[in-house]
């Protein structure tokens, strides 16, 4: 594996983590001597979940579907149209 592949792979992995999983990953990073030095060199985060508007959290929480909903949006819409209106949709 190349370093570029490792970086992209980790980037995609972190993108798929839930906020709770991200906090656990940060905890693991801070417990490793070498990785903790890198983590300490990063600028502090500006706020946490408490600084996110409640309306935004409500909107995000209202999206309930498969993990790949955004990527497969058109396919899901077509399937629902077929269920509702038959194969002519």
PDB file of N, CA and C in Angstrom:
ATOM      1  N   UNK A   1       0.829  -1.196   0.000  1.00  0.00           N
ATOM      2  CA  UNK A   1       0.000   0.000   0.000  1.00  0.00           C
ATOM      3  C   UNK A   1       0.866   1.249   0.000  1.00  0.00           C
ATOM      4  N   UNK A   2       0.449   2.207  -0.752  1.00  0.00           N
ATOM      5  CA  UNK A   2       1.181   3.468  -0.755  1.00  0.00           C
ATOM      6  C   UNK A   2       0.627   4.378   0.336  1.00  0.00           C
ATOM      7  N   UNK A   3       1.409   5.381   0.676  1.00  0.00           N
ATOM      8  CA  UNK A   3       0.973   6.328   1.703  1.00  0.00           C
ATOM      9  C   UNK A   3      -0.279   7.066   1.246  1.00  0.00           C
ATOM     10  N   UNK A   4      -0.362   7.382  -0.054  1.00  0.00           N
ATOM     11  CA  UNK A   4      -1.534   8.089  -0.574  1.00  0.00           C
ATOM     12  C   UNK A   4      -2.784   7.225  -0.424  1.00  0.00           C
ATOM     13  N   UNK A   5      -2.656   5.933  -0.698  1.00  0.00           N
ATOM     14  CA  UNK A   5      -3.797   5.033  -0.552  1.00  0.00           C
ATOM     15  C   UNK A   5      -4.215   4.945   0.916  1.00  0.00           C
ATOM     16  N   UNK A   6      -3.248   4.818   1.806  1.00  0.00           N
ATOM     17  CA  UNK A   6      -3.546   4.767   3.240  1.00  0.00           C
ATOM     18  C   UNK A   6      -4.280   6.024   3.682  1.00  0.00           C
ATOM     19  N   UNK A   7      -3.814   7.173   3.215  1.00  0.00           N
ATOM     20  CA  UNK A   7      -4.434   8.441   3.595  1.00  0.00           C
ATOM     21  C   UNK A   7      -5.887   8.488   3.117  1.00  0.00           C
ATOM     22  N   UNK A   8      -6.122   8.157   1.847  1.00  0.00           N
ATOM     23  CA  UNK A   8      -7.479   8.186   1.295  1.00  0.00           C
ATOM     24  C   UNK A   8      -8.384   7.185   2.012  1.00  0.00           C
ATOM     25  N   UNK A   9      -7.844   6.005   2.286  1.00  0.00           N
ATOM     26  CA  UNK A   9      -8.607   4.970   2.973  1.00  0.00           C
ATOM     27  C   UNK A   9      -9.032   5.451   4.358  1.00  0.00           C
ATOM     28  N   UNK A  10      -8.111   6.037   5.104  1.00  0.00           N
ATOM     29  CA  UNK A  10      -8.429   6.544   6.437  1.00  0.00           C
ATOM     30  C   UNK A  10      -9.405   7.718   6.378  1.00  0.00           C
ATOM     31  N   UNK A  11      -9.242   8.567   5.372  1.00  0.00           N
ATOM     32  CA  UNK A  11     -10.131   9.714   5.204  1.00  0.00           C
ATOM     33  C   UNK A  11     -11.573   9.228   5.014  1.00  0.00           C
ATOM     34  N   UNK A  12     -11.769   8.246   4.152  1.00  0.00           N
ATOM     35  CA  UNK A  12     -13.112   7.703   3.912  1.00  0.00           C
ATOM     36  C   UNK A  12     -13.653   6.997   5.148  1.00  0.00           C
ATOM     37  N   UNK A  13     -12.790   6.314   5.870  1.00  0.00           N
ATOM     38  CA  UNK A  13     -13.208   5.638   7.094  1.00  0.00           C
ATOM     39  C   UNK A  13     -13.733   6.650   8.113  1.00  0.00           C
ATOM     40  N   UNK A  14     -12.984   7.710   8.348  1.00  0.00           N
ATOM     41  CA  UNK A  14     -13.390   8.718   9.330  1.00  0.00           C
ATOM     42  C   UNK A  14     -14.685   9.400   8.891  1.00  0.00           C
ATOM     43  N   UNK A  15     -14.865   9.612   7.588  1.00  0.00           N
ATOM     44  CA  UNK A  15     -16.100  10.223   7.094  1.00  0.00           C
ATOM     45  C   UNK A  15     -17.332   9.385   7.420  1.00  0.00           C
ATOM     46  N   UNK A  16     -17.163   8.092   7.549  1.00  0.00           N
ATOM     47  CA  UNK A  16     -18.297   7.198   7.804  1.00  0.00           C
ATOM     48  C   UNK A  16     -18.575   6.974   9.289  1.00  0.00           C
ATOM     49  N   UNK A  17     -17.729   7.480  10.153  1.00  0.00           N
ATOM     50  CA  UNK A  17     -17.917   7.281  11.587  1.00  0.00           C
ATOM     51  C   UNK A  17     -19.021   8.179  12.126  1.00  0.00           C
ATOM     52  N   UNK A  18     -19.706   7.682  13.133  1.00  0.00           N
ATOM     53  CA  UNK A  18     -20.702   8.499  13.827  1.00  0.00           C
ATOM     54  C   UNK A  18     -19.952   9.448  14.775  1.00  0.00           C
ATOM     55  N   UNK A  19     -20.604  10.497  15.262  1.00  0.00           N
ATOM     56  CA  UNK A  19     -19.933  11.391  16.205  1.00  0.00           C
ATOM     57  C   UNK A  19     -19.391  10.655  17.432  1.00  0.00           C
ATOM     58  N   UNK A  20     -20.118   9.672  17.920  1.00  0.00           N
ATOM     59  CA  UNK A  20     -19.648   8.900  19.070  1.00  0.00           C
ATOM     60  C   UNK A  20     -18.394   8.122  18.711  1.00  0.00           C
ATOM     61  N   UNK A  21     -18.362   7.531  17.531  1.00  0.00           N
ATOM     62  CA  UNK A  21     -17.190   6.781  17.098  1.00  0.00           C
ATOM     63  C   UNK A  21     -15.991   7.698  16.894  1.00  0.00           C
ATOM     64  N   UNK A  22     -16.226   8.912  16.415  1.00  0.00           N
ATOM     65  CA  UNK A  22     -15.133   9.874  16.240  1.00  0.00           C
ATOM     66  C   UNK A  22     -14.533  10.221  17.594  1.00  0.00           C
ATOM     67  N   UNK A  23     -15.385  10.421  18.609  1.00  0.00           N
ATOM     68  CA  UNK A  23     -14.868  10.715  19.949  1.00  0.00           C
ATOM     69  C   UNK A  23     -14.036   9.551  20.488  1.00  0.00           C
ATOM     70  N   UNK A  24     -14.488   8.322  20.231  1.00  0.00           N
ATOM     71  CA  UNK A  24     -13.720   7.151  20.669  1.00  0.00           C
ATOM     72  C   UNK A  24     -12.386   7.077  19.944  1.00  0.00           C
ATOM     73  N   UNK A  25     -12.390   7.388  18.642  1.00  0.00           N
ATOM     74  CA  UNK A  25     -11.141   7.374  17.878  1.00  0.00           C
ATOM     75  C   UNK A  25     -10.182   8.432  18.410  1.00  0.00           C
ATOM     76  N   UNK A  26     -10.694   9.609  18.706  1.00  0.00           N
ATOM     77  CA  UNK A  26      -9.845  10.668  19.264  1.00  0.00           C
ATOM     78  C   UNK A  26      -9.251  10.224  20.595  1.00  0.00           C
ATOM     79  N   UNK A  27     -10.045   9.545  21.408  1.00  0.00           N
ATOM     80  CA  UNK A  27      -9.537   9.038  22.682  1.00  0.00           C
ATOM     81  C   UNK A  27      -8.398   8.044  22.448  1.00  0.00           C
ATOM     82  N   UNK A  28      -8.568   7.154  21.490  1.00  0.00           N
ATOM     83  CA  UNK A  28      -7.511   6.189  21.176  1.00  0.00           C
ATOM     84  C   UNK A  28      -6.243   6.893  20.691  1.00  0.00           C
ATOM     85  N   UNK A  29      -6.431   7.913  19.876  1.00  0.00           N
ATOM     86  CA  UNK A  29      -5.277   8.664  19.354  1.00  0.00           C
ATOM     87  C   UNK A  29      -4.546   9.356  20.495  1.00  0.00           C
ATOM     88  N   UNK A  30      -5.274   9.951  21.413  1.00  0.00           N
ATOM     89  CA  UNK A  30      -4.626  10.679  22.514  1.00  0.00           C
ATOM     90  C   UNK A  30      -3.918   9.743  23.488  1.00  0.00           C
ATOM     91  N   UNK A  31      -4.262   8.464  23.474  1.00  0.00           N
ATOM     92  CA  UNK A  31      -3.614   7.509  24.371  1.00  0.00           C
ATOM     93  C   UNK A  31      -2.337   6.923  23.772  1.00  0.00           C
ATOM     94  N   UNK A  32      -2.084   7.174  22.503  1.00  0.00           N
ATOM     95  CA  UNK A  32      -0.860   6.702  21.845  1.00  0.00           C
ATOM     96  C   UNK A  32       0.167   7.834  21.888  1.00  0.00           C
ATOM     97  N   UNK A  33       1.380   7.542  22.378  1.00  0.00           N
ATOM     98  CA  UNK A  33       2.391   8.592  22.551  1.00  0.00           C
ATOM     99  C   UNK A  33       2.703   9.339  21.263  1.00  0.00           C
ATOM    100  N   UNK A  34       2.959   8.624  20.193  1.00  0.00           N
ATOM    101  CA  UNK A  34       3.348   9.258  18.932  1.00  0.00           C
ATOM    102  C   UNK A  34       2.184  10.023  18.309  1.00  0.00           C
ATOM    103  N   UNK A  35       0.998   9.398  18.286  1.00  0.00           N
ATOM    104  CA  UNK A  35      -0.163  10.057  17.686  1.00  0.00           C
ATOM    105  C   UNK A  35      -0.662  11.221  18.533  1.00  0.00           C
ATOM    106  N   UNK A  36      -0.501  11.129  19.838  1.00  0.00           N
ATOM    107  CA  UNK A  36      -0.950  12.203  20.720  1.00  0.00           C
ATOM    108  C   UNK A  36      -0.184  13.496  20.453  1.00  0.00           C
ATOM    109  N   UNK A  37       1.101  13.380  20.100  1.00  0.00           N
ATOM    110  CA  UNK A  37       1.886  14.574  19.780  1.00  0.00           C
ATOM    111  C   UNK A  37       1.300  15.289  18.568  1.00  0.00           C
ATOM    112  N   UNK A  38       0.874  14.526  17.582  1.00  0.00           N
ATOM    113  CA  UNK A  38       0.263  15.119  16.386  1.00  0.00           C
ATOM    114  C   UNK A  38      -1.074  15.750  16.752  1.00  0.00           C
ATOM    115  N   UNK A  39      -1.878  15.040  17.540  1.00  0.00           N
ATOM    116  CA  UNK A  39      -3.187  15.557  17.932  1.00  0.00           C
ATOM    117  C   UNK A  39      -3.067  16.865  18.714  1.00  0.00           C
ATOM    118  N   UNK A  40      -2.054  16.955  19.589  1.00  0.00           N
ATOM    119  CA  UNK A  40      -1.871  18.184  20.374  1.00  0.00           C
ATOM    120  C   UNK A  40      -1.439  19.354  19.505  1.00  0.00           C
ATOM    121  N   UNK A  41      -0.816  19.075  18.370  1.00  0.00           N
ATOM    122  CA  UNK A  41      -0.348  20.158  17.503  1.00  0.00           C
ATOM    123  C   UNK A  41      -1.470  20.755  16.657  1.00  0.00           C
ATOM    124  N   UNK A  42      -2.621  20.100  16.618  1.00  0.00           N
ATOM    125  CA  UNK A  42      -3.751  20.613  15.842  1.00  0.00           C
ATOM    126  C   UNK A  42      -4.431  21.747  16.592  1.00  0.00           C
ATOM    127  N   UNK A  43      -5.006  22.703  15.857  1.00  0.00           N
ATOM    128  CA  UNK A  43      -5.737  23.772  16.543  1.00  0.00           C
ATOM    129  C   UNK A  43      -6.945  23.189  17.272  1.00  0.00           C
ATOM    130  N   UNK A  44      -7.314  23.801  18.376  1.00  0.00           N
ATOM    131  CA  UNK A  44      -8.465  23.337  19.156  1.00  0.00           C
ATOM    132  C   UNK A  44      -9.736  23.513  18.347  1.00  0.00           C
ATOM    133  N   UNK A  45     -10.658  22.579  18.512  1.00  0.00           N
ATOM    134  CA  UNK A  45     -11.946  22.666  17.827  1.00  0.00           C
ATOM    135  C   UNK A  45     -12.736  23.834  18.397  1.00  0.00           C
ATOM    136  N   UNK A  46     -13.459  24.491  17.519  1.00  0.00           N
ATOM    137  CA  UNK A  46     -14.264  25.632  17.950  1.00  0.00           C
ATOM    138  C   UNK A  46     -15.636  25.144  18.389  1.00  0.00           C
ATOM    139  N   UNK A  47     -15.757  24.712  19.625  1.00  0.00           N
ATOM    140  CA  UNK A  47     -17.043  24.267  20.152  1.00  0.00           C
ATOM    141  C   UNK A  47     -17.231  22.780  19.956  1.00  0.00           C
ATOM    142  N   UNK A  48     -18.365  22.323  20.410  1.00  0.00           N
ATOM    143  CA  UNK A  48     -18.693  20.924  20.283  1.00  0.00           C
ATOM    144  C   UNK A  48     -20.161  20.807  19.920  1.00  0.00           C
ATOM    145  N   UNK A  49     -20.767  19.665  20.184  1.00  0.00           N
ATOM    146  CA  UNK A  49     -22.166  19.458  19.817  1.00  0.00           C
ATOM    147  C   UNK A  49     -23.094  20.479  20.463  1.00  0.00           C
ATOM    148  N   UNK A  50     -22.712  20.997  21.639  1.00  0.00           N
ATOM    149  CA  UNK A  50     -23.565  21.959  22.316  1.00  0.00           C
ATOM    150  C   UNK A  50     -23.673  23.262  21.535  1.00  0.00           C
ATOM    151  N   UNK A  51     -22.691  23.566  20.671  1.00  0.00           N
ATOM    152  CA  UNK A  51     -22.726  24.806  19.910  1.00  0.00           C
ATOM    153  C   UNK A  51     -23.489  24.660  18.596  1.00  0.00           C
ATOM    154  N   UNK A  52     -23.942  23.454  18.273  1.00  0.00           N
ATOM    155  CA  UNK A  52     -24.701  23.229  17.047  1.00  0.00           C
ATOM    156  C   UNK A  52     -26.156  23.586  17.323  1.00  0.00           C
ATOM    157  N   UNK A  53     -26.777  24.378  16.435  1.00  0.00           N
ATOM    158  CA  UNK A  53     -28.173  24.758  16.662  1.00  0.00           C
ATOM    159  C   UNK A  53     -29.085  23.535  16.764  1.00  0.00           C
ATOM    160  N   UNK A  54     -30.042  23.580  17.682  1.00  0.00           N
ATOM    161  CA  UNK A  54     -30.947  22.450  17.895  1.00  0.00           C
ATOM    162  C   UNK A  54     -31.719  22.110  16.623  1.00  0.00           C
ATOM    163  N   UNK A  55     -32.081  23.115  15.837  1.00  0.00           N
ATOM    164  CA  UNK A  55     -32.811  22.866  14.591  1.00  0.00           C
ATOM    165  C   UNK A  55     -32.012  22.025  13.612  1.00  0.00           C
ATOM    166  N   UNK A  56     -30.714  22.271  13.557  1.00  0.00           N
ATOM    167  CA  UNK A  56     -29.860  21.489  12.662  1.00  0.00           C
ATOM    168  C   UNK A  56     -29.777  20.045  13.136  1.00  0.00           C
ATOM    169  N   UNK A  57     -29.619  19.846  14.444  1.00  0.00           N
ATOM    170  CA  UNK A  57     -29.585  18.486  14.981  1.00  0.00           C
ATOM    171  C   UNK A  57     -30.901  17.766  14.722  1.00  0.00           C
ATOM    172  N   UNK A  58     -32.013  18.474  14.827  1.00  0.00           N
ATOM    173  CA  UNK A  58     -33.314  17.865  14.562  1.00  0.00           C
ATOM    174  C   UNK A  58     -33.418  17.445  13.101  1.00  0.00           C
ATOM    175  N   UNK A  59     -32.930  18.285  12.204  1.00  0.00           N
ATOM    176  CA  UNK A  59     -32.965  17.958  10.782  1.00  0.00           C
ATOM    177  C   UNK A  59     -32.088  16.750  10.480  1.00  0.00           C
ATOM    178  N   UNK A  60     -30.882  16.754  11.006  1.00  0.00           N
ATOM    179  CA  UNK A  60     -29.968  15.647  10.765  1.00  0.00           C
ATOM    180  C   UNK A  60     -30.542  14.357  11.339  1.00  0.00           C
ATOM    181  N   UNK A  61     -31.120  14.434  12.516  1.00  0.00           N
ATOM    182  CA  UNK A  61     -31.686  13.251  13.147  1.00  0.00           C
ATOM    183  C   UNK A  61     -32.920  12.737  12.432  1.00  0.00           C
ATOM    184  N   UNK A  62     -33.578  13.580  11.628  1.00  0.00           N
ATOM    185  CA  UNK A  62     -34.806  13.162  10.960  1.00  0.00           C
ATOM    186  C   UNK A  62     -34.537  12.342   9.709  1.00  0.00           C
ATOM    187  N   UNK A  63     -33.322  12.328   9.215  1.00  0.00           N
ATOM    188  CA  UNK A  63     -32.989  11.542   8.037  1.00  0.00           C
ATOM    189  C   UNK A  63     -32.731  10.123   8.492  1.00  0.00           C
ATOM    190  N   UNK A  64     -33.655   9.244   8.148  1.00  0.00           N
ATOM    191  CA  UNK A  64     -33.555   7.865   8.594  1.00  0.00           C
ATOM    192  C   UNK A  64     -33.613   6.976   7.362  1.00  0.00           C
ATOM    193  N   UNK A  65     -32.506   6.384   7.011  1.00  0.00           N
ATOM    194  CA  UNK A  65     -32.467   5.533   5.834  1.00  0.00           C
ATOM    195  C   UNK A  65     -31.176   4.755   5.780  1.00  0.00           C
ATOM    196  N   UNK A  66     -30.979   4.053   4.689  1.00  0.00           N
ATOM    197  CA  UNK A  66     -29.746   3.277   4.537  1.00  0.00           C
ATOM    198  C   UNK A  66     -28.524   4.185   4.536  1.00  0.00           C
ATOM    199  N   UNK A  67     -27.361   3.619   4.909  1.00  0.00           N
ATOM    200  CA  UNK A  67     -26.134   4.411   4.989  1.00  0.00           C
ATOM    201  C   UNK A  67     -25.764   5.048   3.655  1.00  0.00           C
ATOM    202  N   UNK A  68     -26.092   4.391   2.549  1.00  0.00           N
ATOM    203  CA  UNK A  68     -25.708   4.902   1.234  1.00  0.00           C
ATOM    204  C   UNK A  68     -26.859   5.653   0.559  1.00  0.00           C
ATOM    205  N   UNK A  69     -27.755   6.223   1.341  1.00  0.00           N
ATOM    206  CA  UNK A  69     -28.939   6.893   0.800  1.00  0.00           C
ATOM    207  C   UNK A  69     -28.581   7.974  -0.208  1.00  0.00           C
ATOM    208  N   UNK A  70     -27.622   8.813   0.100  1.00  0.00           N
ATOM    209  CA  UNK A  70     -27.256   9.896  -0.815  1.00  0.00           C
ATOM    210  C   UNK A  70     -26.676   9.349  -2.113  1.00  0.00           C
ATOM    211  N   UNK A  71     -25.832   8.338  -2.008  1.00  0.00           N
ATOM    212  CA  UNK A  71     -25.189   7.787  -3.199  1.00  0.00           C
ATOM    213  C   UNK A  71     -26.185   7.053  -4.087  1.00  0.00           C
ATOM    214  N   UNK A  72     -27.154   6.400  -3.484  1.00  0.00           N
ATOM    215  CA  UNK A  72     -28.103   5.577  -4.227  1.00  0.00           C
ATOM    216  C   UNK A  72     -29.486   6.226  -4.304  1.00  0.00           C
ATOM    217  N   UNK A  73     -29.552   7.536  -4.153  1.00  0.00           N
ATOM    218  CA  UNK A  73     -30.815   8.265  -4.105  1.00  0.00           C
ATOM    219  C   UNK A  73     -31.732   7.933  -5.273  1.00  0.00           C
ATOM    220  N   UNK A  74     -31.225   8.041  -6.492  1.00  0.00           N
ATOM    221  CA  UNK A  74     -32.058   7.809  -7.670  1.00  0.00           C
ATOM    222  C   UNK A  74     -32.632   6.394  -7.687  1.00  0.00           C
ATOM    223  N   UNK A  75     -31.822   5.413  -7.323  1.00  0.00           N
ATOM    224  CA  UNK A  75     -32.295   4.029  -7.301  1.00  0.00           C
ATOM    225  C   UNK A  75     -33.396   3.835  -6.272  1.00  0.00           C
ATOM    226  N   UNK A  76     -33.253   4.451  -5.105  1.00  0.00           N
ATOM    227  CA  UNK A  76     -34.284   4.337  -4.079  1.00  0.00           C
ATOM    228  C   UNK A  76     -35.585   5.007  -4.524  1.00  0.00           C
ATOM    229  N   UNK A  77     -35.477   6.147  -5.157  1.00  0.00           N
ATOM    230  CA  UNK A  77     -36.674   6.843  -5.644  1.00  0.00           C
ATOM    231  C   UNK A  77     -37.380   5.990  -6.690  1.00  0.00           C
ATOM    232  N   UNK A  78     -36.613   5.433  -7.646  1.00  0.00           N
ATOM    233  CA  UNK A  78     -37.209   4.572  -8.670  1.00  0.00           C
ATOM    234  C   UNK A  78     -37.918   3.367  -8.042  1.00  0.00           C
ATOM    235  N   UNK A  79     -37.273   2.739  -7.074  1.00  0.00           N
ATOM    236  CA  UNK A  79     -37.870   1.578  -6.418  1.00  0.00           C
ATOM    237  C   UNK A  79     -39.170   1.951  -5.716  1.00  0.00           C
ATOM    238  N   UNK A  80     -39.181   3.087  -5.037  1.00  0.00           N
ATOM    239  CA  UNK A  80     -40.405   3.517  -4.352  1.00  0.00           C
ATOM    240  C   UNK A  80     -41.502   3.875  -5.343  1.00  0.00           C
ATOM    241  N   UNK A  81     -41.127   4.475  -6.471  1.00  0.00           N
ATOM    242  CA  UNK A  81     -42.116   4.791  -7.503  1.00  0.00           C
ATOM    243  C   UNK A  81     -42.708   3.505  -8.082  1.00  0.00           C
ATOM    244  N   UNK A  82     -41.858   2.498  -8.295  1.00  0.00           N
ATOM    245  CA  UNK A  82     -42.357   1.207  -8.806  1.00  0.00           C
ATOM    246  C   UNK A  82     -43.307   0.555  -7.801  1.00  0.00           C
ATOM    247  N   UNK A  83     -42.960   0.626  -6.511  1.00  0.00           N
ATOM    248  CA  UNK A  83     -43.831   0.061  -5.484  1.00  0.00           C
ATOM    249  C   UNK A  83     -45.174   0.750  -5.472  1.00  0.00           C
ATOM    250  N   UNK A  84     -45.155   2.060  -5.626  1.00  0.00           N
ATOM    251  CA  UNK A  84     -46.373   2.840  -5.527  1.00  0.00           C
ATOM    252  C   UNK A  84     -47.206   2.823  -6.806  1.00  0.00           C
ATOM    253  N   UNK A  85     -46.518   2.910  -7.984  1.00  0.00           N
ATOM    254  CA  UNK A  85     -47.242   3.071  -9.239  1.00  0.00           C
ATOM    255  C   UNK A  85     -47.053   1.923 -10.226  1.00  0.00           C
ATOM    256  N   UNK A  86     -46.272   0.941  -9.879  1.00  0.00           N
ATOM    257  CA  UNK A  86     -46.042  -0.197 -10.783  1.00  0.00           C
ATOM    258  C   UNK A  86     -44.844   0.038 -11.673  1.00  0.00           C
ATOM    259  N   UNK A  87     -44.643  -0.856 -12.627  1.00  0.00           N
ATOM    260  CA  UNK A  87     -43.454  -0.820 -13.498  1.00  0.00           C
ATOM    261  C   UNK A  87     -43.455   0.316 -14.504  1.00  0.00           C
ATOM    262  N   UNK A  88     -44.544   1.015 -14.697  1.00  0.00           N
ATOM    263  CA  UNK A  88     -44.582   2.102 -15.679  1.00  0.00           C
ATOM    264  C   UNK A  88     -43.843   3.338 -15.205  1.00  0.00           C
ATOM    265  N   UNK A  89     -43.481   3.388 -13.926  1.00  0.00           N
ATOM    266  CA  UNK A  89     -42.789   4.580 -13.378  1.00  0.00           C
ATOM    267  C   UNK A  89     -41.343   4.599 -13.746  1.00  0.00           C
TER     268      UNK A  89
END
